[in-house]
C-alpha atoms as a PDB file:
ATOM      1  CA  MET A   1     102.122  96.815 118.285  1.00  0.00           C
ATOM      2  CA  ILE A   2     103.735  98.401 115.248  1.00  0.00           C
ATOM      3  CA  TRP A   3     105.320  95.373 113.025  1.00  0.00           C
ATOM      4  CA  THR A   4     108.663  96.084 111.407  1.00  0.00           C
ATOM      5  CA  LYS A   5     108.562  95.587 107.803  1.00  0.00           C
ATOM      6  CA  TYR A   6     111.774  94.850 105.940  1.00  0.00           C
ATOM      7  CA  PHE A   7     113.408  95.585 102.486  1.00  0.00           C
ATOM      8  CA  ASP A   8     114.580  92.034 101.249  1.00  0.00           C
ATOM      9  CA  ASN A   9     117.567  91.956  98.614  1.00  0.00           C
ATOM     10  CA  ASN A  10     115.386  92.861  95.812  1.00  0.00           C
ATOM     11  CA  GLY A  11     113.832  95.662  97.400  1.00  0.00           C
ATOM     12  CA  ALA A  12     110.583  93.492  98.369  1.00  0.00           C
ATOM     13  CA  VAL A  13     108.619  94.915 101.526  1.00  0.00           C
ATOM     14  CA  VAL A  14     108.815  91.773 103.412  1.00  0.00           C
ATOM     15  CA  GLU A  15     106.430  91.692 106.564  1.00  0.00           C
ATOM     16  CA  VAL A  16     104.082  89.553 108.757  1.00  0.00           C
ATOM     17  CA  THR A  17     100.784  89.203 107.876  1.00  0.00           C
ATOM     18  CA  HIS A  18      97.390  86.981 108.597  1.00  0.00           C
ATOM     19  CA  GLY A  19      97.207  83.792 106.590  1.00  0.00           C
ATOM     20  CA  LEU A  20      95.010  81.439 106.342  1.00  0.00           C
ATOM     21  CA  GLY A  21      92.960  80.125 108.949  1.00  0.00           C
ATOM     22  CA  ASP A  22      94.508  81.341 112.528  1.00  0.00           C
ATOM     23  CA  TRP A  23      97.611  81.085 111.001  1.00  0.00           C
ATOM     24  CA  TRP A  24      99.770  84.018 110.655  1.00  0.00           C
ATOM     25  CA  ILE A  25     102.747  84.421 108.079  1.00  0.00           C
ATOM     26  CA  VAL A  26     106.073  85.868 106.948  1.00  0.00           C
ATOM     27  CA  GLY A  27     105.338  87.078 103.450  1.00  0.00           C
ATOM     28  CA  ARG A  28     105.713  89.745 100.169  1.00  0.00           C
ATOM     29  CA  ARG A  29     102.896  91.301  98.569  1.00  0.00           C
ATOM     30  CA  ASN A  30     101.926  89.881  95.065  1.00  0.00           C
ATOM     31  CA  PRO A  31     101.739  93.565  92.977  1.00  0.00           C
ATOM     32  CA  ARG A  32      99.199  92.093  90.483  1.00  0.00           C
ATOM     33  CA  SER A  33      96.501  90.259  93.298  1.00  0.00           C
ATOM     34  CA  GLY A  34      97.474  92.754  96.198  1.00  0.00           C
ATOM     35  CA  GLY A  35      97.785  89.231  98.640  1.00  0.00           C
ATOM     36  CA  TYR A  36     100.544  87.853  99.913  1.00  0.00           C
ATOM     37  CA  HIS A  37     103.077  85.472  99.036  1.00  0.00           C
ATOM     38  CA  ARG A  38     104.710  83.413 102.234  1.00  0.00           C
ATOM     39  CA  VAL A  39     108.444  83.272 102.369  1.00  0.00           C
ATOM     40  CA  LYS A  40     109.005  80.284 102.373  1.00  0.00           C
ATOM     41  CA  THR A  41     112.214  79.470 104.471  1.00  0.00           C
ATOM     42  CA  PRO A  42     112.829  76.918 107.418  1.00  0.00           C
ATOM     43  CA  SER A  43     113.653  79.883 109.407  1.00  0.00           C
ATOM     44  CA  MET A  44     110.331  81.698 109.375  1.00  0.00           C
ATOM     45  CA  PRO A  45     107.281  78.884 109.331  1.00  0.00           C
ATOM     46  CA  PRO A  46     103.754  79.673 109.936  1.00  0.00           C
ATOM     47  CA  ARG A  47     103.141  80.576 113.440  1.00  0.00           C
ATOM     48  CA  LYS A  48     100.142  80.596 115.561  1.00  0.00           C
ATOM     49  CA  THR A  49     101.148  84.880 116.577  1.00  0.00           C
ATOM     50  CA  ALA A  50     102.316  87.212 115.020  1.00  0.00           C
ATOM     51  CA  GLU A  51     104.360  88.234 117.400  1.00  0.00           C
ATOM     52  CA  GLU A  52     106.024  84.504 116.922  1.00  0.00           C
ATOM     53  CA  CYS A  53     106.246  85.541 113.381  1.00  0.00           C
ATOM     54  CA  GLN A  54     107.722  89.023 114.100  1.00  0.00           C
ATOM     55  CA  GLN A  55     110.399  87.750 116.110  1.00  0.00           C
ATOM     56  CA  ASP A  56     111.302  84.771 113.118  1.00  0.00           C
ATOM     57  CA  LEU A  57     111.345  87.790 111.071  1.00  0.00           C
ATOM     58  CA  ASP A  58     113.690  89.882 113.153  1.00  0.00           C
ATOM     59  CA  GLU A  59     116.220  87.245 113.269  1.00  0.00           C
ATOM     60  CA  TYR A  60     115.974  86.391 109.826  1.00  0.00           C
ATOM     61  CA  ALA A  61     116.598  89.931 108.571  1.00  0.00           C
ATOM     62  CA  ARG A  62     119.619  90.581 110.577  1.00  0.00           C
ATOM     63  CA  ARG A  63     121.267  87.688 109.178  1.00  0.00           C
ATOM     64  CA  LYS A  64     120.585  88.575 106.136  1.00  0.00           C
ATOM     65  CA  GLN A  65     121.637  92.182 106.736  1.00  0.00           C
ATOM     66  CA  TRP A  66     118.289  93.585 105.409  1.00  0.00           C
ATOM     67  CA  ILE A  67     117.098  96.888 106.001  1.00  0.00           C
ATOM     68  CA  ALA A  68     114.070  98.413 108.114  1.00  0.00           C
ATOM     69  CA  VAL A  69     111.627 100.244 105.854  1.00  0.00           C
ATOM     70  CA  PRO A  70     111.550 103.524 107.924  1.00  0.00           C
ATOM     71  CA  THR A  71     108.191 104.315 110.363  1.00  0.00           C
ATOM     72  CA  CYS A  72     107.212 107.663 111.307  1.00  0.00           C
ATOM     73  CA  ALA A  73     105.149 108.735 113.851  1.00  0.00           C
ATOM     74  CA  ASP A  74     102.280 108.775 111.795  1.00  0.00           C
ATOM     75  CA  ARG A  75     101.713 105.269 110.681  1.00  0.00           C
ATOM     76  CA  HIS A  76      98.510 105.751 108.714  1.00  0.00           C
ATOM     77  CA  ALA A  77     100.366 106.132 105.342  1.00  0.00           C
ATOM     78  CA  HIS A  78     102.743 103.224 105.475  1.00  0.00           C
ATOM     79  CA  ASP A  79      99.189 100.808 106.756  1.00  0.00           C
ATOM     80  CA  ASP A  80      97.745 101.936 103.703  1.00  0.00           C
ATOM     81  CA  PRO A  81      98.124  98.679 101.232  1.00  0.00           C
ATOM     82  CA  LYS A  82      97.451 101.396  98.147  1.00  0.00           C
ATOM     83  CA  ILE A  83     101.078 103.497  99.165  1.00  0.00           C
ATOM     84  CA  LYS A  84     103.673 101.679  97.809  1.00  0.00           C
ATOM     85  CA  VAL A  85     106.510 102.343 100.243  1.00  0.00           C
END
């Protein structure tokens, strides 16, 4: 499955990522450490599946009118954490 990433109101990319243990979260990448910081809102709690997190993110982004990060047929560049989207 190709996950949809979104630009938040500050231009940061928000996406579903693996959290601690068996949990999945919605987060923003920290530019200094390269790790993720969870978007803390009751609308997007940690979940046991990435699909549940993506559903939460899609709904939240729709309500906030966030713009989806453009995707292309060749996702390799977008999936490389060294490349800033």
